[in-house]
Structures are given as structure tokens and as C-alpha cells.
């Protein structure tokens, strides 16, 4: 496991330069080729898991990652290349995560998180990550989606707007509001800026 950090994008899978999915691989996936499906899975697994982990939490991320891949392979035939593959993929994963959050919200009793000990240094390791996950969980799903796509996936506002089918100005507004609320939630949980 990589060293822990307080970066928003650290969920155990390092953010490296991720390979691009080739047209040949997408073609093979559309035609049901198991080797191309495996290649696609291996190429995009880190980004799908990372997005799911930040959207729904690490506890449910693995299940949502698998559910997202089931959807990818069911719906790959409708991807025609009119947008970037990553845009289509992010939209699909975000939709799966939002559906999961809606279902969970109807059956969810809120967990209370205890503030961190101010004498410890929460920016070190898993304590900060847990605090960050707790703070992210408190955000409205629309705000959480925007901040995760911006800060974790490093998408530009224009790409986020395509993924979420909203205007760029709305993306900027959601990201700004999410940053502000996230900071306040972290402070409430004991983080000292």
C-alpha cells in the first residue's frame, strides 16, 4: 500500500499518468471480446474505484466499482465516441454512485463522528483520510460529485459540465460551495487549518 497522505486524491491507489483506452480496445469491447474487456477493466479500474470511493466511501466503493463495470459492459455498445470515453465513463460511475446514495439515504441512519484529538496531528496518515471521508460524506451528493471530479479526478470545469449535464457556471458554483462546506466540516471534526 502506498504511503498515506492528506491529499484528497489518496484512497490507496496512486494518481499516476493513466493510460488512454484505445479505439481498438473499445471496438473489441463493443463486440464482446473478453481480452479487450479485461484490458479496459485494467486500464480504468483505478479511476473508477477512486471516484466511487470518494462518492460513496471506501466501505461501498468496491461494490460500486463492480456495479459500474457491469453497466460499462452492458452499455458500451451505445458509446459512439461523440464525447471522450472518460466523460462517458465518469457519467456512468457518477450515476451509479448517486443511485446508491439515494437508496442508502432512504435506509440510512446518520452516523455521528467524534472530533479528532487536537493534540494529535490528523494530517498524518489514515486519521486525516478518515476525517476527510467523514467530511465528504456530509456534503450533498451534487456538491460531493463536483468536488471529487474537480479535485480528485482533476477534470476541468468544461468536462465536469459534460459529465453532469449542467452549465460550467453551475459547476464552478458547486465546486466553490463544496470547498467552503468541506473546510467547515473538517474544522467541525477537529482539523486545524
Protein backbone atom coordinates (compact mmCIF):
# COMPACT_ATOMS: atom_id res chain seq x y z
CA UNK A 1 0.00 0.00 0.00
CA UNK A 2 1.36 3.47 -0.87
CA UNK A 3 2.31 5.87 1.88
CA UNK A 4 -0.64 7.77 3.21
CA UNK A 5 -1.04 11.49 2.73
CA UNK A 6 -3.58 14.20 3.31
CA UNK A 7 -4.26 14.66 -0.39
CA UNK A 8 -7.89 14.44 -1.44
CA UNK A 9 -6.96 12.01 -4.21
CA UNK A 10 -5.29 9.45 -1.91
CA UNK A 11 -7.51 6.40 -1.44
CA UNK A 12 -4.82 3.78 -1.72
CA UNK A 13 -4.43 3.91 -5.50
CA UNK A 14 -1.78 6.38 -6.63
CA UNK A 15 -2.66 9.03 -9.16
CA UNK A 16 -0.21 8.34 -11.94
CA UNK A 17 -0.43 9.17 -15.59
CA UNK A 18 -3.25 6.83 -16.53
CA UNK A 19 -3.15 5.10 -19.91
CA UNK A 20 -5.64 6.03 -22.58
CA UNK A 21 -8.12 3.44 -23.79
CA UNK A 22 -7.51 2.75 -27.47
CA UNK A 23 -10.19 2.73 -30.13
CA UNK A 24 -9.28 -0.90 -30.85
CA UNK A 25 -10.00 -1.86 -27.23
CA UNK A 26 -13.33 -0.04 -27.31
CA UNK A 27 -14.21 -1.73 -30.60
CA UNK A 28 -13.38 -5.12 -29.12
CA UNK A 29 -15.48 -4.38 -26.03
CA UNK A 30 -18.45 -3.39 -28.19
CA UNK A 31 -18.12 -6.78 -29.88
CA UNK A 32 -17.85 -8.69 -26.61
CA UNK A 33 -14.17 -9.62 -26.86
CA UNK A 34 -13.12 -10.90 -23.39
CA UNK A 35 -9.46 -9.88 -23.86
CA UNK A 36 -10.43 -6.30 -24.72
CA UNK A 37 -12.92 -6.22 -21.83
CA UNK A 38 -10.12 -7.30 -19.49
CA UNK A 39 -7.81 -4.65 -20.94
CA UNK A 40 -10.44 -1.95 -20.48
CA UNK A 41 -11.12 -3.12 -16.93
CA UNK A 42 -7.44 -3.00 -16.00
CA UNK A 43 -6.91 0.40 -17.63
CA UNK A 44 -9.79 2.23 -15.96
CA UNK A 45 -10.13 0.34 -12.67
CA UNK A 46 -8.04 2.88 -10.68
CA UNK A 47 -10.10 5.88 -11.79
CA UNK A 48 -13.45 4.08 -11.33
CA UNK A 49 -12.52 2.90 -7.83
CA UNK A 50 -11.09 6.30 -6.85
CA UNK A 51 -14.25 8.08 -7.94
CA UNK A 52 -16.53 5.54 -6.24
CA UNK A 53 -14.50 5.68 -3.01
CA UNK A 54 -14.86 9.44 -2.79
CA UNK A 55 -18.52 9.41 -3.79
CA UNK A 56 -19.81 6.62 -1.52
CA UNK A 57 -16.92 5.90 0.87
CA UNK A 58 -14.39 3.11 0.85
CA UNK A 59 -16.76 0.67 2.54
CA UNK A 60 -19.07 0.60 -0.50
CA UNK A 61 -16.55 1.54 -3.20
CA UNK A 62 -15.64 -1.99 -4.22
CA UNK A 63 -19.27 -2.99 -4.76
CA UNK A 64 -20.00 0.22 -6.67
CA UNK A 65 -16.90 -0.29 -8.79
CA UNK A 66 -18.08 -3.74 -9.79
CA UNK A 67 -21.62 -2.48 -10.42
CA UNK A 68 -20.20 0.31 -12.56
CA UNK A 69 -18.22 -2.16 -14.65
CA UNK A 70 -21.33 -4.27 -15.17
CA UNK A 71 -23.01 -1.15 -16.53
CA UNK A 72 -19.99 -0.27 -18.67
CA UNK A 73 -20.06 -3.64 -20.39
CA UNK A 74 -23.85 -3.61 -20.74
CA UNK A 75 -23.88 -0.14 -22.26
CA UNK A 76 -20.56 0.02 -24.15
CA UNK A 77 -22.41 -0.57 -27.42
CA UNK A 78 -24.15 2.79 -27.08
CA UNK A 79 -20.86 4.69 -26.72
CA UNK A 80 -20.28 6.18 -30.15
CA UNK A 81 -17.32 8.42 -29.44
CA UNK A 82 -19.29 11.66 -29.58
CA UNK A 83 -17.66 12.57 -26.27
CA UNK A 84 -14.42 11.40 -24.73
CA UNK A 85 -14.60 7.88 -23.33
CA UNK A 86 -13.61 9.17 -19.87
CA UNK A 87 -16.53 11.61 -19.91
CA UNK A 88 -18.94 8.77 -20.70
CA UNK A 89 -17.31 6.55 -18.07
CA UNK A 90 -17.43 9.23 -15.35
CA UNK A 91 -21.08 9.95 -16.12
CA UNK A 92 -21.91 6.25 -15.78
CA UNK A 93 -19.98 5.86 -12.49
CA UNK A 94 -21.43 9.08 -11.04
CA UNK A 95 -24.95 7.89 -11.90
CA UNK A 96 -24.34 4.53 -10.22
CA UNK A 97 -22.98 6.26 -7.12
CA UNK A 98 -25.84 8.76 -6.94
CA UNK A 99 -28.40 5.96 -7.25
CA UNK A 100 -26.63 4.12 -4.43
CA UNK A 101 -26.63 7.25 -2.26
CA UNK A 102 -30.35 7.80 -2.87
CA UNK A 103 -31.14 4.20 -1.91
CA UNK A 104 -28.90 4.41 1.14
CA UNK A 105 -30.40 7.75 2.19
CA UNK A 106 -33.84 6.20 2.44
CA UNK A 107 -32.45 3.41 4.67
CA UNK A 108 -29.66 5.33 6.40
CA UNK A 109 -29.40 6.43 9.97
CA UNK A 110 -26.79 9.14 10.32
CA UNK A 111 -23.51 8.21 11.96
CA UNK A 112 -22.00 10.67 14.37
CA UNK A 113 -18.29 11.27 14.02
CA UNK A 114 -16.32 12.24 17.08
CA UNK A 115 -13.98 15.19 16.72
CA UNK A 116 -10.33 14.30 16.46
CA UNK A 117 -7.99 14.90 19.38
CA UNK A 118 -6.50 18.35 18.82
CA UNK A 119 -3.19 17.20 20.29
CA UNK A 120 -2.65 14.66 17.51
CA UNK A 121 -1.59 15.59 14.01
CA UNK A 122 -4.53 14.47 11.85
CA UNK A 123 -2.76 15.40 8.62
CA UNK A 124 -0.58 12.33 9.08
CA UNK A 125 -1.88 9.17 7.52
CA UNK A 126 -5.16 7.45 7.86
CA UNK A 127 -6.58 9.75 10.56
CA UNK A 128 -6.81 12.61 8.10
CA UNK A 129 -8.17 10.34 5.38
CA UNK A 130 -10.92 9.15 7.73
CA UNK A 131 -11.68 12.74 8.68
CA UNK A 132 -11.78 13.73 5.02
CA UNK A 133 -14.09 10.83 4.17
CA UNK A 134 -16.39 11.84 7.04
CA UNK A 135 -16.42 15.45 5.83
CA UNK A 136 -17.10 14.39 2.23
CA UNK A 137 -19.95 12.16 3.42
CA UNK A 138 -21.64 15.22 4.94
CA UNK A 139 -21.76 17.02 1.59
CA UNK A 140 -24.87 16.92 -0.57
CA UNK A 141 -24.27 14.34 -3.36
CA UNK A 142 -24.33 17.04 -6.07
CA UNK A 143 -21.64 19.03 -4.28
CA UNK A 144 -19.63 15.90 -3.48
CA UNK A 145 -19.72 14.85 -7.12
CA UNK A 146 -18.48 18.24 -8.32
CA UNK A 147 -15.61 18.48 -5.81
CA UNK A 148 -14.50 14.87 -6.37
CA UNK A 149 -14.46 15.25 -10.16
CA UNK A 150 -12.52 18.51 -9.82
CA UNK A 151 -10.08 17.77 -7.01
CA UNK A 152 -9.63 14.00 -7.23
CA UNK A 153 -10.06 13.36 -10.94
CA UNK A 154 -8.60 16.76 -11.90
CA UNK A 155 -11.22 17.33 -14.60
CA UNK A 156 -11.60 20.84 -15.99
CA UNK A 157 -14.91 22.58 -15.40
CA UNK A 158 -15.90 22.08 -19.05
CA UNK A 159 -15.50 18.29 -18.73
CA UNK A 160 -17.37 18.19 -15.41
CA UNK A 161 -20.19 20.12 -17.06
CA UNK A 162 -20.42 17.42 -19.74
CA UNK A 163 -20.30 14.59 -17.19
CA UNK A 164 -23.06 16.14 -15.09
CA UNK A 165 -25.02 17.71 -17.96
CA UNK A 166 -25.02 21.12 -16.28
CA UNK A 167 -23.62 24.55 -17.28
CA UNK A 168 -19.99 25.35 -16.43
CA UNK A 169 -21.13 28.19 -14.19
CA UNK A 170 -23.12 25.72 -12.11
CA UNK A 171 -20.03 23.51 -11.85
CA UNK A 172 -17.96 26.45 -10.61
CA UNK A 173 -20.64 27.35 -8.09
CA UNK A 174 -20.91 23.77 -6.78
CA UNK A 175 -17.14 23.38 -6.50
CA UNK A 176 -16.83 26.66 -4.64
CA UNK A 177 -19.65 25.83 -2.25
CA UNK A 178 -18.28 22.29 -1.74
CA UNK A 179 -14.81 23.65 -0.88
CA UNK A 180 -16.28 26.01 1.67
CA UNK A 181 -18.51 23.38 3.28
CA UNK A 182 -15.78 20.76 3.20
CA UNK A 183 -13.42 23.07 5.05
CA UNK A 184 -16.09 23.80 7.66
CA UNK A 185 -16.91 20.10 8.09
CA UNK A 186 -13.20 19.33 8.55
CA UNK A 187 -12.90 22.07 11.18
CA UNK A 188 -16.01 20.71 12.94
CA UNK A 189 -14.35 17.28 13.00
CA UNK A 190 -11.25 18.70 14.68
CA UNK A 191 -8.96 19.65 11.82
CA UNK A 192 -6.86 22.73 12.42
CA UNK A 193 -6.03 24.64 9.21
